[in-house]
Amino acid sequence: MKKDIYNPPGGILIWVIIFVEIITFSAGIIAYLVMRKENIDIFNESQLTLNKGLATINTIALLTGGYFMAMGIQALKKGKNKNSANWILGAIVSGIVFLFIKGSEYGVKLEHGYDLRENLFYTFYWLLTGFHFLHVLIGVIILLALYFKVKGEHYTKDEHFDVETGGAFWHMCDLIWLMLFPVLYLLH
């Protein structure tokens, strides 16, 4: 079977969007790294206030959700709508877990006065993770819509384009977090 690069899973438009999002986050990460180099003490000191344990759990949650979404698409392609809906529901739950944990982390940061204006590290932290949080929230909403349509058998093994598109967006959220997590939480 010959692959057509002009018709990737989910369509070319979602891949253009993903490409633009990756470039946008990459630019933010590059700016972060440049500013970090110039303000190493502030960045290292501020980074110690982050909770690596929660960030690791969030990484696992998103990767698990990505796996669940991939399995949901595979089940749908085999005509197993009920299984597909269950897998997609698992992806939704993983996204909600991420949002809850990240929201809790945000609450603790604000409680301790670490807002956007605290210092340059926290400006980047809030902008990068906040923009990503918004993507995950949108992803959960997309997956919820897909879940109900898959469950209602609106999509079939022959008609699953929108589900692949939603899956591609969901995987983009995973990828962006895999870019942010080591830079913000682990780099010293």
C-alpha atoms as a PDB file:
ATOM      1  CA  MET A   1       0.000   0.000   0.000  1.00  0.00           C
ATOM      2  CA  LYS A   2       1.489   3.288  -1.133  1.00  0.00           C
ATOM      3  CA  LYS A   3       1.432   6.115   1.432  1.00  0.00           C
ATOM      4  CA  ASP A   4       0.217   9.510   0.268  1.00  0.00           C
ATOM      5  CA  ILE A   5       2.040  12.307   2.094  1.00  0.00           C
ATOM      6  CA  TYR A   6      -0.654  14.759   1.008  1.00  0.00           C
ATOM      7  CA  ASN A   7      -3.352  12.766   2.823  1.00  0.00           C
ATOM      8  CA  PRO A   8      -1.931  11.881   6.248  1.00  0.00           C
ATOM      9  CA  PRO A   9      -4.213  10.562   9.023  1.00  0.00           C
ATOM     10  CA  GLY A  10      -6.564  13.386  10.014  1.00  0.00           C
ATOM     11  CA  GLY A  11      -5.813  15.353   6.864  1.00  0.00           C
ATOM     12  CA  ILE A  12      -3.135  17.812   5.848  1.00  0.00           C
ATOM     13  CA  LEU A  13      -4.713  20.790   7.654  1.00  0.00           C
ATOM     14  CA  ILE A  14      -4.289  19.305  11.150  1.00  0.00           C
ATOM     15  CA  TRP A  15      -0.656  18.546  10.338  1.00  0.00           C
ATOM     16  CA  VAL A  16      -0.082  22.138   9.242  1.00  0.00           C
ATOM     17  CA  ILE A  17      -1.622  23.256  12.547  1.00  0.00           C
ATOM     18  CA  ILE A  18       0.565  20.795  14.471  1.00  0.00           C
ATOM     19  CA  PHE A  19       3.655  22.038  12.637  1.00  0.00           C
ATOM     20  CA  VAL A  20       2.819  25.670  13.461  1.00  0.00           C
ATOM     21  CA  GLU A  21       2.163  24.800  17.120  1.00  0.00           C
ATOM     22  CA  ILE A  22       5.461  22.940  17.413  1.00  0.00           C
ATOM     23  CA  ILE A  23       7.307  25.895  15.882  1.00  0.00           C
ATOM     24  CA  THR A  24       5.527  28.264  18.287  1.00  0.00           C
ATOM     25  CA  PHE A  25       6.390  26.211  21.365  1.00  0.00           C
ATOM     26  CA  SER A  26       9.931  25.641  20.081  1.00  0.00           C
ATOM     27  CA  ALA A  27      10.410  29.400  19.757  1.00  0.00           C
ATOM     28  CA  GLY A  28       9.206  29.819  23.344  1.00  0.00           C
ATOM     29  CA  ILE A  29      11.558  27.103  24.550  1.00  0.00           C
ATOM     30  CA  ILE A  30      14.499  28.615  22.674  1.00  0.00           C
ATOM     31  CA  ALA A  31      13.737  32.025  24.210  1.00  0.00           C
ATOM     32  CA  TYR A  32      13.510  30.337  27.623  1.00  0.00           C
ATOM     33  CA  LEU A  33      16.904  28.667  27.132  1.00  0.00           C
ATOM     34  CA  VAL A  34      18.547  31.933  26.023  1.00  0.00           C
ATOM     35  CA  MET A  35      17.116  33.819  29.015  1.00  0.00           C
ATOM     36  CA  ARG A  36      18.011  30.934  31.320  1.00  0.00           C
ATOM     37  CA  LYS A  37      21.633  31.137  30.239  1.00  0.00           C
ATOM     38  CA  GLU A  38      21.671  34.869  31.010  1.00  0.00           C
ATOM     39  CA  ASN A  39      19.853  34.447  34.371  1.00  0.00           C
ATOM     40  CA  ILE A  40      21.025  31.008  35.472  1.00  0.00           C
ATOM     41  CA  ASP A  41      20.783  31.621  39.235  1.00  0.00           C
ATOM     42  CA  ILE A  42      17.187  32.896  39.112  1.00  0.00           C
ATOM     43  CA  PHE A  43      16.136  30.063  36.810  1.00  0.00           C
ATOM     44  CA  ASN A  44      17.818  27.336  38.888  1.00  0.00           C
ATOM     45  CA  GLU A  45      16.467  28.742  42.138  1.00  0.00           C
ATOM     46  CA  SER A  46      12.938  29.109  40.757  1.00  0.00           C
ATOM     47  CA  GLN A  47      13.014  25.672  39.171  1.00  0.00           C
ATOM     48  CA  LEU A  48      13.561  24.160  42.623  1.00  0.00           C
ATOM     49  CA  THR A  49      10.088  25.407  43.592  1.00  0.00           C
ATOM     50  CA  LEU A  50       8.459  23.166  40.949  1.00  0.00           C
ATOM     51  CA  ASN A  51       7.060  19.770  41.808  1.00  0.00           C
ATOM     52  CA  LYS A  52       8.883  17.233  39.615  1.00  0.00           C
ATOM     53  CA  GLY A  53       6.803  14.391  41.037  1.00  0.00           C
ATOM     54  CA  LEU A  54       3.511  15.904  39.884  1.00  0.00           C
ATOM     55  CA  ALA A  55       5.036  16.810  36.530  1.00  0.00           C
ATOM     56  CA  THR A  56       6.177  13.205  36.103  1.00  0.00           C
ATOM     57  CA  ILE A  57       2.689  11.923  36.932  1.00  0.00           C
ATOM     58  CA  ASN A  58       1.298  14.379  34.389  1.00  0.00           C
ATOM     59  CA  THR A  59       3.751  13.081  31.791  1.00  0.00           C
ATOM     60  CA  ILE A  60       2.564   9.535  32.442  1.00  0.00           C
ATOM     61  CA  ALA A  61      -1.072  10.673  32.284  1.00  0.00           C
ATOM     62  CA  LEU A  62      -0.623  12.318  28.887  1.00  0.00           C
ATOM     63  CA  LEU A  63       1.376   9.433  27.426  1.00  0.00           C
ATOM     64  CA  THR A  64      -1.229   6.980  28.686  1.00  0.00           C
ATOM     65  CA  GLY A  65      -3.954   9.128  27.143  1.00  0.00           C
ATOM     66  CA  GLY A  66      -2.071   9.130  23.849  1.00  0.00           C
ATOM     67  CA  TYR A  67      -1.924   5.335  23.946  1.00  0.00           C
ATOM     68  CA  PHE A  68      -5.631   5.145  24.762  1.00  0.00           C
ATOM     69  CA  MET A  69      -6.478   7.434  21.844  1.00  0.00           C
ATOM     70  CA  ALA A  70      -4.372   5.382  19.436  1.00  0.00           C
ATOM     71  CA  MET A  71      -6.120   2.217  20.615  1.00  0.00           C
ATOM     72  CA  GLY A  72      -9.487   3.957  20.207  1.00  0.00           C
ATOM     73  CA  ILE A  73      -8.717   4.787  16.600  1.00  0.00           C
ATOM     74  CA  GLN A  74      -7.522   1.250  15.915  1.00  0.00           C
ATOM     75  CA  ALA A  75     -10.687  -0.219  17.467  1.00  0.00           C
ATOM     76  CA  LEU A  76     -12.857   2.105  15.366  1.00  0.00           C
ATOM     77  CA  LYS A  77     -11.035   1.067  12.194  1.00  0.00           C
ATOM     78  CA  LYS A  78     -11.956  -2.528  13.065  1.00  0.00           C
ATOM     79  CA  GLY A  79     -15.613  -1.568  13.475  1.00  0.00           C
ATOM     80  CA  LYS A  80     -15.561  -1.928  17.265  1.00  0.00           C
ATOM     81  CA  ASN A  81     -17.337   1.291  18.242  1.00  0.00           C
ATOM     82  CA  LYS A  82     -17.978   0.311  21.854  1.00  0.00           C
ATOM     83  CA  ASN A  83     -14.316  -0.543  22.413  1.00  0.00           C
ATOM     84  CA  SER A  84     -13.296   2.615  20.579  1.00  0.00           C
ATOM     85  CA  ALA A  85     -15.553   4.758  22.761  1.00  0.00           C
ATOM     86  CA  ASN A  86     -14.114   3.141  25.904  1.00  0.00           C
ATOM     87  CA  TRP A  87     -10.546   3.837  24.793  1.00  0.00           C
ATOM     88  CA  ILE A  88     -11.412   7.435  23.933  1.00  0.00           C
ATOM     89  CA  LEU A  89     -13.070   7.806  27.335  1.00  0.00           C
ATOM     90  CA  GLY A  90      -9.784   6.637  28.877  1.00  0.00           C
ATOM     91  CA  ALA A  91      -7.962   9.354  26.940  1.00  0.00           C
ATOM     92  CA  ILE A  92     -10.474  11.916  28.208  1.00  0.00           C
ATOM     93  CA  VAL A  93      -9.946  10.789  31.804  1.00  0.00           C
ATOM     94  CA  SER A  94      -6.172  11.045  31.377  1.00  0.00           C
ATOM     95  CA  GLY A  95      -6.597  14.596  30.087  1.00  0.00           C
ATOM     96  CA  ILE A  96      -8.808  15.505  33.022  1.00  0.00           C
ATOM     97  CA  VAL A  97      -6.221  14.028  35.401  1.00  0.00           C
ATOM     98  CA  PHE A  98      -3.564  16.200  33.753  1.00  0.00           C
ATOM     99  CA  LEU A  99      -5.736  19.316  34.019  1.00  0.00           C
ATOM    100  CA  PHE A 100      -6.609  18.627  37.650  1.00  0.00           C
ATOM    101  CA  ILE A 101      -2.986  18.046  38.679  1.00  0.00           C
ATOM    102  CA  LYS A 102      -1.723  21.048  36.714  1.00  0.00           C
ATOM    103  CA  GLY A 103      -4.535  23.194  38.097  1.00  0.00           C
ATOM    104  CA  SER A 104      -3.584  22.103  41.621  1.00  0.00           C
ATOM    105  CA  GLU A 105       0.037  22.938  40.902  1.00  0.00           C
ATOM    106  CA  TYR A 106      -1.021  26.368  39.638  1.00  0.00           C
ATOM    107  CA  GLY A 107      -3.018  26.925  42.833  1.00  0.00           C
ATOM    108  CA  VAL A 108       0.010  26.161  45.005  1.00  0.00           C
ATOM    109  CA  LYS A 109       2.201  28.471  42.924  1.00  0.00           C
ATOM    110  CA  LEU A 110      -0.283  31.331  43.240  1.00  0.00           C
ATOM    111  CA  GLU A 111      -0.720  30.667  46.964  1.00  0.00           C
ATOM    112  CA  HIS A 112       3.028  31.141  47.393  1.00  0.00           C
ATOM    113  CA  GLY A 113       3.056  34.284  45.276  1.00  0.00           C
ATOM    114  CA  TYR A 114       4.702  32.741  42.196  1.00  0.00           C
ATOM    115  CA  ASP A 115       2.688  34.500  39.539  1.00  0.00           C
ATOM    116  CA  LEU A 116       3.558  35.656  36.034  1.00  0.00           C
ATOM    117  CA  ARG A 117       5.399  38.700  37.419  1.00  0.00           C
ATOM    118  CA  GLU A 118       7.505  36.867  40.037  1.00  0.00           C
ATOM    119  CA  ASN A 119      10.573  36.692  37.801  1.00  0.00           C
ATOM    120  CA  LEU A 120      11.624  35.789  34.274  1.00  0.00           C
ATOM    121  CA  PHE A 121      11.526  32.046  34.982  1.00  0.00           C
ATOM    122  CA  TYR A 122       7.939  32.250  36.158  1.00  0.00           C
ATOM    123  CA  THR A 123       6.959  34.422  33.210  1.00  0.00           C
ATOM    124  CA  PHE A 124       8.090  31.614  30.902  1.00  0.00           C
ATOM    125  CA  TYR A 125       6.643  28.921  33.170  1.00  0.00           C
ATOM    126  CA  TRP A 126       3.179  30.468  33.168  1.00  0.00           C
ATOM    127  CA  LEU A 127       3.143  31.324  29.474  1.00  0.00           C
ATOM    128  CA  LEU A 128       4.452  27.971  28.234  1.00  0.00           C
ATOM    129  CA  THR A 129       2.532  25.702  30.600  1.00  0.00           C
ATOM    130  CA  GLY A 130      -0.575  27.889  30.482  1.00  0.00           C
ATOM    131  CA  PHE A 131      -0.688  27.768  26.687  1.00  0.00           C
ATOM    132  CA  HIS A 132      -0.197  24.006  26.857  1.00  0.00           C
ATOM    133  CA  PHE A 133      -2.930  23.706  29.533  1.00  0.00           C
ATOM    134  CA  LEU A 134      -5.287  25.462  27.136  1.00  0.00           C
ATOM    135  CA  HIS A 135      -4.394  22.977  24.388  1.00  0.00           C
ATOM    136  CA  VAL A 136      -5.121  20.027  26.672  1.00  0.00           C
ATOM    137  CA  LEU A 137      -8.439  21.587  27.710  1.00  0.00           C
ATOM    138  CA  ILE A 138      -9.408  22.038  24.054  1.00  0.00           C
ATOM    139  CA  GLY A 139      -8.231  18.478  23.378  1.00  0.00           C
ATOM    140  CA  VAL A 140     -10.473  17.101  26.136  1.00  0.00           C
ATOM    141  CA  ILE A 141     -13.444  18.991  24.684  1.00  0.00           C
ATOM    142  CA  ILE A 142     -12.690  17.620  21.213  1.00  0.00           C
ATOM    143  CA  LEU A 143     -12.361  14.089  22.573  1.00  0.00           C
ATOM    144  CA  LEU A 144     -15.649  14.433  24.475  1.00  0.00           C
ATOM    145  CA  ALA A 145     -17.437  15.362  21.240  1.00  0.00           C
ATOM    146  CA  LEU A 146     -15.786  12.447  19.448  1.00  0.00           C
ATOM    147  CA  TYR A 147     -16.611  10.055  22.280  1.00  0.00           C
ATOM    148  CA  PHE A 148     -20.337  10.736  22.042  1.00  0.00           C
ATOM    149  CA  LYS A 149     -20.306  10.472  18.266  1.00  0.00           C
ATOM    150  CA  VAL A 150     -18.321   7.212  18.301  1.00  0.00           C
ATOM    151  CA  LYS A 151     -20.594   5.826  21.010  1.00  0.00           C
ATOM    152  CA  GLY A 152     -23.643   6.852  18.945  1.00  0.00           C
ATOM    153  CA  GLU A 153     -22.090   5.123  15.923  1.00  0.00           C
ATOM    154  CA  HIS A 154     -21.854   8.343  13.935  1.00  0.00           C
ATOM    155  CA  TYR A 155     -18.371   7.169  12.939  1.00  0.00           C
ATOM    156  CA  THR A 156     -17.629   3.755  11.470  1.00  0.00           C
ATOM    157  CA  LYS A 157     -14.657   1.710  10.362  1.00  0.00           C
ATOM    158  CA  ASP A 158     -15.031   3.350   6.962  1.00  0.00           C
ATOM    159  CA  GLU A 159     -15.771   6.892   8.181  1.00  0.00           C
ATOM    160  CA  HIS A 160     -13.349   7.969  10.905  1.00  0.00           C
ATOM    161  CA  PHE A 161     -11.569  11.017   9.481  1.00  0.00           C
ATOM    162  CA  ASP A 162     -12.656  13.346  12.305  1.00  0.00           C
ATOM    163  CA  VAL A 163     -11.551  10.847  14.948  1.00  0.00           C
ATOM    164  CA  GLU A 164      -8.100  10.651  13.358  1.00  0.00           C
ATOM    165  CA  THR A 165      -7.972  14.453  13.271  1.00  0.00           C
ATOM    166  CA  GLY A 166      -8.873  14.652  16.971  1.00  0.00           C
ATOM    167  CA  GLY A 167      -6.309  11.957  17.705  1.00  0.00           C
ATOM    168  CA  ALA A 168      -3.599  13.903  15.895  1.00  0.00           C
ATOM    169  CA  PHE A 169      -4.442  17.012  17.955  1.00  0.00           C
ATOM    170  CA  TRP A 170      -4.335  14.921  21.146  1.00  0.00           C
ATOM    171  CA  HIS A 171      -0.922  13.494  20.249  1.00  0.00           C
ATOM    172  CA  MET A 172       0.309  17.034  19.596  1.00  0.00           C
ATOM    173  CA  CYS A 173      -0.529  17.835  23.240  1.00  0.00           C
ATOM    174  CA  ASP A 174       1.626  14.853  24.289  1.00  0.00           C
ATOM    175  CA  LEU A 175       4.491  15.942  22.083  1.00  0.00           C
ATOM    176  CA  ILE A 176       4.456  19.527  23.309  1.00  0.00           C
ATOM    177  CA  TRP A 177       4.470  18.379  26.939  1.00  0.00           C
ATOM    178  CA  LEU A 178       7.426  16.099  26.152  1.00  0.00           C
ATOM    179  CA  MET A 179       9.221  19.213  24.936  1.00  0.00           C
ATOM    180  CA  LEU A 180       8.265  21.322  27.983  1.00  0.00           C
ATOM    181  CA  PHE A 181       8.690  18.796  30.793  1.00  0.00           C
ATOM    182  CA  PRO A 182      12.459  18.237  30.574  1.00  0.00           C
ATOM    183  CA  VAL A 183      13.254  21.892  29.875  1.00  0.00           C
ATOM    184  CA  LEU A 184      11.145  23.366  32.678  1.00  0.00           C
ATOM    185  CA  TYR A 185      11.387  20.630  35.293  1.00  0.00           C
ATOM    186  CA  LEU A 186      14.627  18.692  34.762  1.00  0.00           C
ATOM    187  CA  LEU A 187      17.226  20.953  33.113  1.00  0.00           C
ATOM    188  CA  HIS A 188      19.751  22.253  35.638  1.00  0.00           C
END
